[in-house]
């Protein structure tokens, strides 16, 4: 579904990541973990066209999308839920959700998907007329996810969805992501919380100082004592996957 080939990028004044190679198979749940400042968010922004790459390629669903404008990336079926959720505080929950369908023209389909979102996230269905800014952090996370799903993505990328949320809400969000994945949407999750990423993922990549330092199944990473100590925490043990 997604193939990154020797991708290098950053900002005008600095190169943040370099020669990144990774793959996200169709239907998979893949995570990218690593410390703060490793370049994870910058990589996501480059994949979806918010930042231009310096070298390398981004191939999505068989097509080269390197440096395409974000709206063209979305139309092709790749959607990003950004770090910090970034909902519209002064719009209602209903309006926030419908923003995700702004490139669609199928009115009946949009209505059906809005109903599907209120079924998937019942708390949002109870608050459709409420302003987004009045929701709790966990509810805003659900709203950002519902908004992204309204574009009917083939693949959903998420940047630190657990940020600022309590453990119970994090579990709810991760269970929802697993359900979405089981229904056929490919997931690429960027997380600093290695434990929840390992529990959900088929495969995990580790980004450190702008480069891929390791990759493998959760069991493979946990089975490497040096990697576990450096990136995953010594308290984690084998058997965390799924």
C-alpha atoms as a PDB file:
ATOM      1  CA  UNK A   1       0.000   0.000   0.000  1.00  0.00           C
ATOM      2  CA  UNK A   2       2.798   2.444   0.939  1.00  0.00           C
ATOM      3  CA  UNK A   3       6.449   2.176  -0.074  1.00  0.00           C
ATOM      4  CA  UNK A   4       9.048   4.734   1.039  1.00  0.00           C
ATOM      5  CA  UNK A   5      12.300   4.567  -0.909  1.00  0.00           C
ATOM      6  CA  UNK A   6      15.450   6.347   0.320  1.00  0.00           C
ATOM      7  CA  UNK A   7      13.364   9.344   1.382  1.00  0.00           C
ATOM      8  CA  UNK A   8      15.228  12.380   2.704  1.00  0.00           C
ATOM      9  CA  UNK A   9      13.602  15.580   3.905  1.00  0.00           C
ATOM     10  CA  UNK A  10      13.301  18.340   6.453  1.00  0.00           C
ATOM     11  CA  UNK A  11      13.196  22.117   6.333  1.00  0.00           C
ATOM     12  CA  UNK A  12      15.130  24.736   4.396  1.00  0.00           C
ATOM     13  CA  UNK A  13      17.692  25.127   7.137  1.00  0.00           C
ATOM     14  CA  UNK A  14      18.009  21.511   8.234  1.00  0.00           C
ATOM     15  CA  UNK A  15      17.799  17.905   7.088  1.00  0.00           C
ATOM     16  CA  UNK A  16      15.615  16.063   9.589  1.00  0.00           C
ATOM     17  CA  UNK A  17      15.530  12.500   8.222  1.00  0.00           C
ATOM     18  CA  UNK A  18      17.557  10.700   5.569  1.00  0.00           C
ATOM     19  CA  UNK A  19      17.448   7.585   3.405  1.00  0.00           C
ATOM     20  CA  UNK A  20      14.306   6.241   5.050  1.00  0.00           C
ATOM     21  CA  UNK A  21      13.042   2.970   3.601  1.00  0.00           C
ATOM     22  CA  UNK A  22       9.861   1.345   4.865  1.00  0.00           C
ATOM     23  CA  UNK A  23       6.799  -0.511   3.632  1.00  0.00           C
ATOM     24  CA  UNK A  24       3.212  -0.690   4.833  1.00  0.00           C
ATOM     25  CA  UNK A  25       1.436  -3.667   3.209  1.00  0.00           C
ATOM     26  CA  UNK A  26      -2.205  -3.462   2.190  1.00  0.00           C
ATOM     27  CA  UNK A  27      -4.427  -4.189   5.198  1.00  0.00           C
ATOM     28  CA  UNK A  28      -1.569  -4.124   7.707  1.00  0.00           C
ATOM     29  CA  UNK A  29      -1.175  -2.239  10.983  1.00  0.00           C
ATOM     30  CA  UNK A  30       2.361  -0.801  10.988  1.00  0.00           C
ATOM     31  CA  UNK A  31       3.880   1.533  13.578  1.00  0.00           C
ATOM     32  CA  UNK A  32       6.832   3.907  13.611  1.00  0.00           C
ATOM     33  CA  UNK A  33       8.299   4.579  17.044  1.00  0.00           C
ATOM     34  CA  UNK A  34      11.275   6.550  18.303  1.00  0.00           C
ATOM     35  CA  UNK A  35      12.334   9.296  20.704  1.00  0.00           C
ATOM     36  CA  UNK A  36      11.296  12.951  20.518  1.00  0.00           C
ATOM     37  CA  UNK A  37      13.132  14.784  17.755  1.00  0.00           C
ATOM     38  CA  UNK A  38      13.747  11.638  15.721  1.00  0.00           C
ATOM     39  CA  UNK A  39      11.920  13.071  12.689  1.00  0.00           C
ATOM     40  CA  UNK A  40       8.691  11.059  12.863  1.00  0.00           C
ATOM     41  CA  UNK A  41       6.272  13.971  12.394  1.00  0.00           C
ATOM     42  CA  UNK A  42       8.399  15.541   9.676  1.00  0.00           C
ATOM     43  CA  UNK A  43       8.391  12.231   7.815  1.00  0.00           C
ATOM     44  CA  UNK A  44       4.584  12.032   7.937  1.00  0.00           C
ATOM     45  CA  UNK A  45       4.236  15.601   6.695  1.00  0.00           C
ATOM     46  CA  UNK A  46       6.553  14.785   3.812  1.00  0.00           C
ATOM     47  CA  UNK A  47       4.615  11.660   2.864  1.00  0.00           C
ATOM     48  CA  UNK A  48       1.335  13.599   2.545  1.00  0.00           C
ATOM     49  CA  UNK A  49       2.873  16.582   0.747  1.00  0.00           C
ATOM     50  CA  UNK A  50       2.820  19.183   3.530  1.00  0.00           C
ATOM     51  CA  UNK A  51       6.619  19.325   3.193  1.00  0.00           C
ATOM     52  CA  UNK A  52       8.655  18.694   0.055  1.00  0.00           C
ATOM     53  CA  UNK A  53      11.170  15.875   0.057  1.00  0.00           C
ATOM     54  CA  UNK A  54      14.780  16.443  -0.934  1.00  0.00           C
ATOM     55  CA  UNK A  55      15.424  12.971  -2.347  1.00  0.00           C
ATOM     56  CA  UNK A  56      13.734   9.613  -2.642  1.00  0.00           C
ATOM     57  CA  UNK A  57      10.239   8.424  -3.518  1.00  0.00           C
ATOM     58  CA  UNK A  58       6.834   7.927  -1.933  1.00  0.00           C
ATOM     59  CA  UNK A  59       4.726   5.288  -3.688  1.00  0.00           C
ATOM     60  CA  UNK A  60       1.124   4.817  -2.590  1.00  0.00           C
ATOM     61  CA  UNK A  61      -1.177   2.139  -3.988  1.00  0.00           C
ATOM     62  CA  UNK A  62       1.175   1.665  -6.946  1.00  0.00           C
ATOM     63  CA  UNK A  63       1.455   5.354  -7.887  1.00  0.00           C
ATOM     64  CA  UNK A  64       4.323   7.773  -7.263  1.00  0.00           C
ATOM     65  CA  UNK A  65       2.910  10.548  -5.054  1.00  0.00           C
ATOM     66  CA  UNK A  66       6.224  12.197  -4.157  1.00  0.00           C
ATOM     67  CA  UNK A  67       5.632  15.914  -3.473  1.00  0.00           C
ATOM     68  CA  UNK A  68       2.021  15.864  -4.663  1.00  0.00           C
ATOM     69  CA  UNK A  69      -0.181  18.544  -3.026  1.00  0.00           C
ATOM     70  CA  UNK A  70      -2.001  17.266   0.081  1.00  0.00           C
ATOM     71  CA  UNK A  71      -5.452  17.479  -1.509  1.00  0.00           C
ATOM     72  CA  UNK A  72      -4.330  15.157  -4.307  1.00  0.00           C
ATOM     73  CA  UNK A  73      -2.884  12.730  -1.770  1.00  0.00           C
ATOM     74  CA  UNK A  74      -6.212  12.657   0.094  1.00  0.00           C
ATOM     75  CA  UNK A  75      -8.165  12.017  -3.105  1.00  0.00           C
ATOM     76  CA  UNK A  76      -5.935   8.992  -3.780  1.00  0.00           C
ATOM     77  CA  UNK A  77      -6.934   7.542  -0.422  1.00  0.00           C
ATOM     78  CA  UNK A  78      -4.188   8.528   2.039  1.00  0.00           C
ATOM     79  CA  UNK A  79      -5.278  10.592   5.057  1.00  0.00           C
ATOM     80  CA  UNK A  80      -3.317  11.941   8.040  1.00  0.00           C
ATOM     81  CA  UNK A  81      -4.629  12.565  11.555  1.00  0.00           C
ATOM     82  CA  UNK A  82      -2.123  15.179  12.759  1.00  0.00           C
ATOM     83  CA  UNK A  83      -0.417  15.432  16.109  1.00  0.00           C
ATOM     84  CA  UNK A  84      -2.512  17.384  18.608  1.00  0.00           C
ATOM     85  CA  UNK A  85      -5.713  16.468  16.716  1.00  0.00           C
ATOM     86  CA  UNK A  86      -6.189  20.052  15.403  1.00  0.00           C
ATOM     87  CA  UNK A  87      -9.963  20.106  15.324  1.00  0.00           C
ATOM     88  CA  UNK A  88     -11.889  23.333  14.691  1.00  0.00           C
ATOM     89  CA  UNK A  89     -12.889  24.585  18.132  1.00  0.00           C
ATOM     90  CA  UNK A  90     -15.536  27.024  16.864  1.00  0.00           C
ATOM     91  CA  UNK A  91     -17.305  24.493  14.646  1.00  0.00           C
ATOM     92  CA  UNK A  92     -19.829  21.979  15.938  1.00  0.00           C
ATOM     93  CA  UNK A  93     -18.983  18.296  16.165  1.00  0.00           C
ATOM     94  CA  UNK A  94     -21.160  17.675  13.099  1.00  0.00           C
ATOM     95  CA  UNK A  95     -19.398  20.414  11.127  1.00  0.00           C
ATOM     96  CA  UNK A  96     -15.967  19.118  12.161  1.00  0.00           C
ATOM     97  CA  UNK A  97     -16.838  15.632  10.951  1.00  0.00           C
ATOM     98  CA  UNK A  98     -18.170  16.921   7.639  1.00  0.00           C
ATOM     99  CA  UNK A  99     -14.935  18.846   7.002  1.00  0.00           C
ATOM    100  CA  UNK A 100     -13.390  15.447   6.322  1.00  0.00           C
ATOM    101  CA  UNK A 101     -15.695  15.005   3.325  1.00  0.00           C
ATOM    102  CA  UNK A 102     -14.998  18.393   1.741  1.00  0.00           C
ATOM    103  CA  UNK A 103     -13.513  16.840  -1.420  1.00  0.00           C
ATOM    104  CA  UNK A 104     -16.440  14.450  -1.888  1.00  0.00           C
ATOM    105  CA  UNK A 105     -19.547  15.118  -4.011  1.00  0.00           C
ATOM    106  CA  UNK A 106     -21.687  12.069  -3.122  1.00  0.00           C
ATOM    107  CA  UNK A 107     -24.266  13.624  -0.819  1.00  0.00           C
ATOM    108  CA  UNK A 108     -26.007  10.349   0.005  1.00  0.00           C
ATOM    109  CA  UNK A 109     -22.712   8.635   0.765  1.00  0.00           C
ATOM    110  CA  UNK A 110     -21.632  11.486   3.022  1.00  0.00           C
ATOM    111  CA  UNK A 111     -24.889  11.203   4.970  1.00  0.00           C
ATOM    112  CA  UNK A 112     -24.409   7.453   5.364  1.00  0.00           C
ATOM    113  CA  UNK A 113     -20.816   7.922   6.548  1.00  0.00           C
ATOM    114  CA  UNK A 114     -21.882  10.557   9.074  1.00  0.00           C
ATOM    115  CA  UNK A 115     -24.304   8.011  10.528  1.00  0.00           C
ATOM    116  CA  UNK A 116     -21.517   5.422  10.522  1.00  0.00           C
ATOM    117  CA  UNK A 117     -19.268   7.791  12.489  1.00  0.00           C
ATOM    118  CA  UNK A 118     -21.926   8.319  15.150  1.00  0.00           C
ATOM    119  CA  UNK A 119     -22.262   4.525  15.388  1.00  0.00           C
ATOM    120  CA  UNK A 120     -18.493   4.027  15.636  1.00  0.00           C
ATOM    121  CA  UNK A 121     -18.165   6.904  18.135  1.00  0.00           C
ATOM    122  CA  UNK A 122     -21.469   7.044  20.096  1.00  0.00           C
ATOM    123  CA  UNK A 123     -20.246   9.897  22.290  1.00  0.00           C
ATOM    124  CA  UNK A 124     -19.917  12.078  19.188  1.00  0.00           C
ATOM    125  CA  UNK A 125     -23.435  11.185  18.120  1.00  0.00           C
ATOM    126  CA  UNK A 126     -24.651  12.578  21.440  1.00  0.00           C
ATOM    127  CA  UNK A 127     -22.757  15.837  20.891  1.00  0.00           C
ATOM    128  CA  UNK A 128     -23.299  16.693  17.209  1.00  0.00           C
ATOM    129  CA  UNK A 129     -24.533  20.215  18.008  1.00  0.00           C
ATOM    130  CA  UNK A 130     -21.813  20.870  20.603  1.00  0.00           C
ATOM    131  CA  UNK A 131     -18.785  23.022  19.742  1.00  0.00           C
ATOM    132  CA  UNK A 132     -15.618  21.014  19.171  1.00  0.00           C
ATOM    133  CA  UNK A 133     -13.656  23.124  21.619  1.00  0.00           C
ATOM    134  CA  UNK A 134     -15.898  22.049  24.496  1.00  0.00           C
ATOM    135  CA  UNK A 135     -15.043  18.351  24.124  1.00  0.00           C
ATOM    136  CA  UNK A 136     -12.566  16.541  26.345  1.00  0.00           C
ATOM    137  CA  UNK A 137      -9.158  15.596  24.976  1.00  0.00           C
ATOM    138  CA  UNK A 138     -10.250  12.019  24.336  1.00  0.00           C
ATOM    139  CA  UNK A 139     -13.426  13.143  22.604  1.00  0.00           C
ATOM    140  CA  UNK A 140     -11.430  15.526  20.426  1.00  0.00           C
ATOM    141  CA  UNK A 141      -9.194  12.610  19.456  1.00  0.00           C
ATOM    142  CA  UNK A 142     -12.259  10.610  18.417  1.00  0.00           C
ATOM    143  CA  UNK A 143     -13.541  13.633  16.484  1.00  0.00           C
ATOM    144  CA  UNK A 144     -10.251  13.980  14.595  1.00  0.00           C
ATOM    145  CA  UNK A 145     -10.382  10.289  13.748  1.00  0.00           C
ATOM    146  CA  UNK A 146     -14.008  10.492  12.585  1.00  0.00           C
ATOM    147  CA  UNK A 147     -13.175  13.509  10.435  1.00  0.00           C
ATOM    148  CA  UNK A 148     -10.317  11.613   8.779  1.00  0.00           C
ATOM    149  CA  UNK A 149     -12.485   8.565   8.108  1.00  0.00           C
ATOM    150  CA  UNK A 150     -15.017  10.740   6.272  1.00  0.00           C
ATOM    151  CA  UNK A 151     -12.591  10.906   3.346  1.00  0.00           C
ATOM    152  CA  UNK A 152     -12.959   7.111   3.018  1.00  0.00           C
ATOM    153  CA  UNK A 153      -9.197   6.489   3.171  1.00  0.00           C
ATOM    154  CA  UNK A 154      -7.562   3.324   1.937  1.00  0.00           C
ATOM    155  CA  UNK A 155      -4.844   4.075   4.459  1.00  0.00           C
ATOM    156  CA  UNK A 156      -4.955   6.115   7.651  1.00  0.00           C
ATOM    157  CA  UNK A 157      -1.820   7.668   9.157  1.00  0.00           C
ATOM    158  CA  UNK A 158      -1.905   8.911  12.749  1.00  0.00           C
ATOM    159  CA  UNK A 159       0.618  11.065  14.550  1.00  0.00           C
ATOM    160  CA  UNK A 160       0.791  10.432  18.319  1.00  0.00           C
ATOM    161  CA  UNK A 161      -2.938   9.790  18.931  1.00  0.00           C
ATOM    162  CA  UNK A 162      -2.207   8.893  22.579  1.00  0.00           C
ATOM    163  CA  UNK A 163      -0.632  12.292  23.316  1.00  0.00           C
ATOM    164  CA  UNK A 164      -2.127  13.880  26.424  1.00  0.00           C
ATOM    165  CA  UNK A 165      -4.716  11.150  26.988  1.00  0.00           C
ATOM    166  CA  UNK A 166      -5.248   8.985  30.050  1.00  0.00           C
ATOM    167  CA  UNK A 167      -4.701   5.212  29.877  1.00  0.00           C
ATOM    168  CA  UNK A 168      -8.411   4.327  29.674  1.00  0.00           C
ATOM    169  CA  UNK A 169      -9.005   6.717  26.756  1.00  0.00           C
ATOM    170  CA  UNK A 170      -5.831   5.509  25.022  1.00  0.00           C
ATOM    171  CA  UNK A 171      -7.149   1.947  25.232  1.00  0.00           C
ATOM    172  CA  UNK A 172     -10.446   3.076  23.699  1.00  0.00           C
ATOM    173  CA  UNK A 173      -8.687   4.850  20.842  1.00  0.00           C
ATOM    174  CA  UNK A 174      -6.409   1.899  20.138  1.00  0.00           C
ATOM    175  CA  UNK A 175      -9.312  -0.559  20.199  1.00  0.00           C
ATOM    176  CA  UNK A 176     -11.119   1.655  17.682  1.00  0.00           C
ATOM    177  CA  UNK A 177      -8.053   1.711  15.436  1.00  0.00           C
ATOM    178  CA  UNK A 178      -7.837  -2.084  15.575  1.00  0.00           C
ATOM    179  CA  UNK A 179     -11.515  -2.312  14.610  1.00  0.00           C
ATOM    180  CA  UNK A 180     -10.999   0.100  11.708  1.00  0.00           C
ATOM    181  CA  UNK A 181      -8.023  -1.974  10.571  1.00  0.00           C
ATOM    182  CA  UNK A 182     -10.005  -5.202  10.806  1.00  0.00           C
ATOM    183  CA  UNK A 183     -12.659  -3.618   8.581  1.00  0.00           C
ATOM    184  CA  UNK A 184     -10.059  -3.169   5.856  1.00  0.00           C
ATOM    185  CA  UNK A 185      -8.350   0.203   6.368  1.00  0.00           C
ATOM    186  CA  UNK A 186      -4.547   0.055   6.399  1.00  0.00           C
ATOM    187  CA  UNK A 187      -3.035   1.803   9.445  1.00  0.00           C
ATOM    188  CA  UNK A 188       0.323   3.555   9.775  1.00  0.00           C
ATOM    189  CA  UNK A 189       0.728   4.736  13.359  1.00  0.00           C
ATOM    190  CA  UNK A 190       3.452   7.057  14.621  1.00  0.00           C
ATOM    191  CA  UNK A 191       3.818   6.726  18.390  1.00  0.00           C
ATOM    192  CA  UNK A 192       6.280   7.627  21.110  1.00  0.00           C
ATOM    193  CA  UNK A 193       4.495   5.174  23.410  1.00  0.00           C
ATOM    194  CA  UNK A 194       6.240   1.999  22.275  1.00  0.00           C
ATOM    195  CA  UNK A 195       4.122  -0.314  24.415  1.00  0.00           C
ATOM    196  CA  UNK A 196       0.784   0.518  22.794  1.00  0.00           C
ATOM    197  CA  UNK A 197       2.376   0.464  19.328  1.00  0.00           C
ATOM    198  CA  UNK A 198       3.776  -3.018  19.926  1.00  0.00           C
ATOM    199  CA  UNK A 199       0.458  -4.314  21.193  1.00  0.00           C
ATOM    200  CA  UNK A 200      -1.402  -3.223  18.057  1.00  0.00           C
ATOM    201  CA  UNK A 201       1.052  -3.673  15.202  1.00  0.00           C
ATOM    202  CA  UNK A 202       1.969  -6.335  12.688  1.00  0.00           C
ATOM    203  CA  UNK A 203       5.332  -4.662  12.112  1.00  0.00           C
ATOM    204  CA  UNK A 204       7.269  -1.854  13.811  1.00  0.00           C
ATOM    205  CA  UNK A 205       9.971   0.511  12.568  1.00  0.00           C
ATOM    206  CA  UNK A 206      12.260   2.472  14.887  1.00  0.00           C
ATOM    207  CA  UNK A 207      13.350   5.939  13.781  1.00  0.00           C
ATOM    208  CA  UNK A 208      16.283   7.484  15.641  1.00  0.00           C
ATOM    209  CA  UNK A 209      18.178  10.664  14.722  1.00  0.00           C
ATOM    210  CA  UNK A 210      16.440  10.738  11.355  1.00  0.00           C
ATOM    211  CA  UNK A 211      17.317   7.189  10.286  1.00  0.00           C
ATOM    212  CA  UNK A 212      15.642   3.802  10.535  1.00  0.00           C
ATOM    213  CA  UNK A 213      17.549   2.079  13.345  1.00  0.00           C
ATOM    214  CA  UNK A 214      15.590  -1.189  13.368  1.00  0.00           C
ATOM    215  CA  UNK A 215      12.481  -2.908  12.078  1.00  0.00           C
ATOM    216  CA  UNK A 216      10.652  -6.176  12.570  1.00  0.00           C
ATOM    217  CA  UNK A 217       7.658  -7.784  14.171  1.00  0.00           C
ATOM    218  CA  UNK A 218       6.981  -6.810  17.776  1.00  0.00           C
ATOM    219  CA  UNK A 219       8.303 -10.175  18.952  1.00  0.00           C
ATOM    220  CA  UNK A 220      11.501  -9.748  16.939  1.00  0.00           C
ATOM    221  CA  UNK A 221      12.161  -6.319  18.421  1.00  0.00           C
ATOM    222  CA  UNK A 222      11.364  -7.468  21.932  1.00  0.00           C
ATOM    223  CA  UNK A 223      13.629 -10.466  21.466  1.00  0.00           C
ATOM    224  CA  UNK A 224      16.634  -8.199  20.841  1.00  0.00           C
ATOM    225  CA  UNK A 225      17.884  -7.151  24.281  1.00  0.00           C
ATOM    226  CA  UNK A 226      19.897  -4.199  22.983  1.00  0.00           C
ATOM    227  CA  UNK A 227      16.958  -2.786  21.024  1.00  0.00           C
ATOM    228  CA  UNK A 228      14.583  -3.379  23.897  1.00  0.00           C
ATOM    229  CA  UNK A 229      16.863  -1.509  26.269  1.00  0.00           C
ATOM    230  CA  UNK A 230      17.533   1.385  23.886  1.00  0.00           C
ATOM    231  CA  UNK A 231      14.058   2.019  22.456  1.00  0.00           C
ATOM    232  CA  UNK A 232      11.371  -0.123  24.036  1.00  0.00           C
ATOM    233  CA  UNK A 233      12.012  -0.064  27.758  1.00  0.00           C
ATOM    234  CA  UNK A 234      13.407  -2.891  29.822  1.00  0.00           C
ATOM    235  CA  UNK A 235      10.007  -3.489  31.423  1.00  0.00           C
ATOM    236  CA  UNK A 236       8.523  -4.782  28.181  1.00  0.00           C
ATOM    237  CA  UNK A 237       8.633  -8.478  27.431  1.00  0.00           C
ATOM    238  CA  UNK A 238       7.832 -10.882  24.627  1.00  0.00           C
ATOM    239  CA  UNK A 239       4.170 -11.585  23.971  1.00  0.00           C
ATOM    240  CA  UNK A 240       3.075  -7.935  23.740  1.00  0.00           C
ATOM    241  CA  UNK A 241       1.904  -8.268  20.137  1.00  0.00           C
ATOM    242  CA  UNK A 242      -1.888  -8.299  19.714  1.00  0.00           C
END
